Protein backbone atom coordinates (compact mmCIF):
# COMPACT_ATOMS: atom_id res chain seq x y z
CA UNK A 1 0.00 0.00 0.00
CA UNK A 2 3.04 2.26 0.02
CA UNK A 3 3.09 3.17 3.73
CA UNK A 4 5.69 1.91 6.18
CA UNK A 5 3.53 2.82 9.19
CA UNK A 6 -0.04 3.92 9.95
CA UNK A 7 -0.82 6.04 13.01
CA UNK A 8 -4.16 7.09 14.44
CA UNK A 9 -5.77 9.64 16.68
CA UNK A 10 -8.08 7.85 19.14
CA UNK A 11 -11.28 9.72 20.06
CA UNK A 12 -13.73 9.74 17.12
CA UNK A 13 -11.09 8.02 14.99
CA UNK A 14 -10.79 4.53 16.49
CA UNK A 15 -13.10 4.85 19.48
CA UNK A 16 -16.06 6.67 20.99
CA UNK A 17 -15.83 7.77 24.64
CA UNK A 18 -18.59 10.38 24.39
CA UNK A 19 -20.50 9.27 27.49
CA UNK A 20 -17.42 9.48 29.71
CA UNK A 21 -16.32 12.79 28.21
CA UNK A 22 -19.73 14.42 28.59
CA UNK A 23 -20.02 13.13 32.17
CA UNK A 24 -16.60 14.59 32.96
CA UNK A 25 -17.49 17.99 31.50
CA UNK A 26 -20.82 18.14 33.28
CA UNK A 27 -19.29 17.14 36.60
CA UNK A 28 -16.48 19.67 36.26
CA UNK A 29 -18.82 22.48 35.27
CA UNK A 30 -21.22 21.61 38.09
CA UNK A 31 -18.46 21.65 40.69
CA UNK A 32 -17.32 25.03 39.36
CA UNK A 33 -20.82 26.50 39.51
CA UNK A 34 -21.20 26.70 35.73
CA UNK A 35 -24.27 25.81 33.64
CA UNK A 36 -24.38 22.21 32.40
CA UNK A 37 -22.95 22.06 28.87
CA UNK A 38 -24.96 20.54 26.02
CA UNK A 39 -23.83 17.12 24.84
CA UNK A 40 -23.31 18.31 21.27
CA UNK A 41 -21.26 21.30 22.40
CA UNK A 42 -18.98 18.96 24.35
CA UNK A 43 -18.66 16.63 21.35
CA UNK A 44 -17.28 19.53 19.30
CA UNK A 45 -14.42 19.96 21.77
CA UNK A 46 -13.19 16.38 21.33
CA UNK A 47 -9.66 16.54 19.92
CA UNK A 48 -8.77 19.67 21.87
CA UNK A 49 -6.90 19.52 25.15
CA UNK A 50 -9.26 19.52 28.13
CA UNK A 51 -8.12 23.02 29.01
CA UNK A 52 -8.88 24.33 25.53
CA UNK A 53 -12.23 22.54 25.53
CA UNK A 54 -13.09 24.27 28.80
CA UNK A 55 -12.11 27.66 27.40
CA UNK A 56 -13.98 27.04 24.14
CA UNK A 57 -17.21 26.47 26.07
CA UNK A 58 -16.77 29.14 28.76
CA UNK A 59 -14.48 31.81 27.36
CA UNK A 60 -12.48 31.54 30.61
CA UNK A 61 -8.75 31.67 29.92
CA UNK A 62 -7.52 31.86 33.52
CA UNK A 63 -4.78 29.22 33.98
CA UNK A 64 -5.90 28.27 37.48
CA UNK A 65 -9.48 27.63 36.34
CA UNK A 66 -8.35 25.64 33.33
CA UNK A 67 -6.18 23.49 35.62
CA UNK A 68 -9.03 23.06 38.09
CA UNK A 69 -11.33 21.89 35.34
CA UNK A 70 -8.85 19.23 34.24
CA UNK A 71 -8.63 17.96 37.82
CA UNK A 72 -12.39 17.79 38.27
CA UNK A 73 -13.00 16.31 34.83
CA UNK A 74 -10.48 13.56 35.49
CA UNK A 75 -12.07 12.65 38.82
CA UNK A 76 -15.32 11.79 37.03
CA UNK A 77 -14.29 10.72 33.53
CA UNK A 78 -11.21 8.60 34.20
CA UNK A 79 -13.03 5.74 35.98
CA UNK A 80 -15.69 5.69 33.23
CA UNK A 81 -13.39 5.55 30.22
CA UNK A 82 -12.69 1.82 30.24
CA UNK A 83 -16.29 1.02 31.08
CA UNK A 84 -18.06 3.01 28.38
CA UNK A 85 -15.59 3.54 25.51
CA UNK A 86 -16.44 1.49 22.45
CA UNK A 87 -14.43 0.91 19.31
CA UNK A 88 -15.96 1.97 16.04
CA UNK A 89 -17.04 -0.83 13.68
CA UNK A 90 -14.06 -2.12 11.73
CA UNK A 91 -11.41 -0.85 14.17
CA UNK A 92 -10.29 -4.24 15.42
CA UNK A 93 -10.31 -5.70 11.91
CA UNK A 94 -8.25 -2.80 10.53
CA UNK A 95 -5.65 -2.99 13.29
CA UNK A 96 -5.41 -6.78 12.97
CA UNK A 97 -4.97 -6.47 9.20
CA UNK A 98 -2.15 -3.96 9.61
CA UNK A 99 -0.44 -6.28 12.08
CA UNK A 100 -0.88 -9.20 9.70
CA UNK A 101 0.63 -7.20 6.85
CA UNK A 102 3.67 -6.31 8.96
CA UNK A 103 2.81 -2.60 8.97
CA UNK A 104 3.46 -0.97 12.37
CA UNK A 105 0.47 0.89 13.78
CA UNK A 106 0.32 3.36 16.65
CA UNK A 107 -1.84 5.94 18.37
CA UNK A 108 -0.99 9.62 18.94
CA UNK A 109 -3.73 11.27 21.00
CA UNK A 110 -4.37 14.01 23.52
CA UNK A 111 -5.87 11.34 25.82
CA UNK A 112 -3.58 10.14 28.62
CA UNK A 113 -1.34 7.18 27.76
CA UNK A 114 -2.51 5.13 30.74
CA UNK A 115 -6.13 5.67 29.73
CA UNK A 116 -5.39 4.69 26.14
CA UNK A 117 -3.61 1.56 27.34
CA UNK A 118 -6.44 0.52 29.64
CA UNK A 119 -9.13 1.10 27.01
CA UNK A 120 -7.25 -0.71 24.24
CA UNK A 121 -6.43 -3.64 26.50
CA UNK A 122 -10.04 -3.91 27.63
CA UNK A 123 -11.20 -4.00 24.00
CA UNK A 124 -8.61 -6.61 23.04
CA UNK A 125 -6.65 -4.58 20.49
CA UNK A 126 -3.60 -3.33 22.40
CA UNK A 127 -1.62 -6.24 20.94
CA UNK A 128 -1.93 -4.78 17.44
CA UNK A 129 -0.27 -1.46 18.30
CA UNK A 130 3.48 -0.94 18.58
CA UNK A 131 3.30 2.62 19.92
CA UNK A 132 1.00 4.67 22.17
CA UNK A 133 1.64 8.39 22.67
CA UNK A 134 -0.75 10.23 24.95
CA UNK A 135 -0.95 13.90 25.81
CA UNK A 136 1.02 13.31 28.99
CA UNK A 137 4.09 12.42 26.91
CA UNK A 138 4.39 15.81 25.22
CA UNK A 139 5.09 19.40 26.21
CA UNK A 140 3.24 20.76 23.18
CA UNK A 141 -0.12 19.20 22.27
CA UNK A 142 -1.44 18.70 18.75
CA UNK A 143 -1.44 20.36 16.27
CA UNK A 144 2.21 20.63 17.29
CA UNK A 145 3.77 17.50 15.74
CA UNK A 146 6.01 16.74 18.75
CA UNK A 147 4.20 13.54 19.76
CA UNK A 148 3.83 12.16 16.25
CA UNK A 149 7.44 12.88 15.33
CA UNK A 150 8.70 11.31 18.57
CA UNK A 151 6.70 8.15 17.88
CA UNK A 152 8.09 7.90 14.35
CA UNK A 153 11.65 8.50 15.51
CA UNK A 154 11.32 5.75 18.10
CA UNK A 155 10.37 3.30 15.36
CA UNK A 156 12.91 4.56 12.85
CA UNK A 157 10.24 5.74 10.40
CA UNK A 158 10.48 8.72 8.09
CA UNK A 159 7.46 11.07 8.10
CA UNK A 160 6.92 10.79 4.36
CA UNK A 161 6.59 7.00 4.73
CA UNK A 162 3.74 7.26 7.25
CA UNK A 163 -0.02 7.84 7.13
CA UNK A 164 -1.68 9.64 10.04
CA UNK A 165 -5.44 9.21 10.41
CA UNK A 166 -7.71 11.51 12.39
CA UNK A 167 -11.14 13.07 12.66
CA UNK A 168 -10.37 16.78 13.18
CA UNK A 169 -8.62 19.67 11.49
CA UNK A 170 -6.25 19.56 14.46
CA UNK A 171 -5.19 16.09 13.26
CA UNK A 172 -4.85 17.27 9.67
CA UNK A 173 -2.67 20.18 10.79
CA UNK A 174 -0.57 17.80 12.93
CA UNK A 175 0.10 15.56 9.95
CA UNK A 176 0.92 18.54 7.73
CA UNK A 177 3.39 19.98 10.22
CA UNK A 178 4.98 16.57 10.82
CA UNK A 179 5.38 15.92 7.10
CA UNK A 180 3.30 12.72 7.07
CA UNK A 181 0.43 11.84 4.76
CA UNK A 182 -3.10 12.25 6.11
CA UNK A 183 -6.43 10.44 5.95
CA UNK A 184 -9.53 12.10 7.36
CA UNK A 185 -11.97 9.82 9.18
CA UNK A 186 -15.59 10.99 9.31
CA UNK A 187 -16.43 9.39 12.67
CA UNK A 188 -16.56 12.70 14.55
CA UNK A 189 -18.03 16.17 14.17
CA UNK A 190 -15.79 17.41 11.33
CA UNK A 191 -17.38 16.98 7.91
CA UNK A 192 -15.93 16.16 4.51
CA UNK A 193 -16.64 19.75 3.51
CA UNK A 194 -14.74 21.04 6.55
CA UNK A 195 -11.68 19.01 5.59
CA UNK A 196 -11.84 19.94 1.91
CA UNK A 197 -12.30 23.65 2.69
CA UNK A 198 -9.36 23.72 5.11
CA UNK A 199 -6.71 23.73 2.40
CA UNK A 200 -4.74 21.11 4.35
CA UNK A 201 -3.33 18.16 2.39
CA UNK A 202 -5.63 15.13 2.20
CA UNK A 203 -4.72 11.75 0.78
CA UNK A 204 -8.14 10.27 1.42
CA UNK A 205 -11.41 11.00 3.22
CA UNK A 206 -12.79 7.80 4.72
CA UNK A 207 -16.47 7.52 5.58
CA UNK A 208 -15.59 4.88 8.16
CA UNK A 209 -12.83 2.45 9.12
CA UNK A 210 -14.02 -0.16 6.65
CA UNK A 211 -13.55 2.41 3.89
CA UNK A 212 -10.01 3.11 5.16
CA UNK A 213 -9.18 -0.61 5.27
CA UNK A 214 -10.34 -1.03 1.66
CA UNK A 215 -8.43 2.08 0.52
CA UNK A 216 -5.27 0.69 2.10
CA UNK A 217 -5.79 -2.55 0.21
CA UNK A 218 -5.90 -4.68 3.36
């Protein structure tokens, strides 16, 4: 298929943790005396850091309040992640096919590495991934390419040999700045039109993970 490695974002790319994320936001906002956020508004923050999601919904840029929100969110959402997160249809099959083809696959996400590990292990697909890079492993979150480039370096891969797959313009920008190829996955809130209008390089826009698997020839 021409790629020496395929890397993925997690939320709304491989998996759906909406229930845990919304519960975390609502708990954090409630503890801070803020109005309960709408589910759809929270969904549109997925892909941002928690702090940026908080600011996007409240307009509050105070560092101490952003940090407090992360703490409160984590108290509620972390225990729920493994319980409620589901993989999208075709995720396990795609990852197994990459493993079978000898193509290294990894995840680069803003989600914590320990959470990613627990979720992927619970869903039986951790074995297919050679690399997990969570937001706790970087100083500069996506769209800064620090995490993606570090993962590639660790595996001895050149950016131009790798496909990065994600559901947001943040992911597309990350791939562009890292120098990798990019596939948009329409499992989240970003539309085909959003991706095409962004001007960011796109190798493919996949309706779902089955579409991506077929496009890769697996």
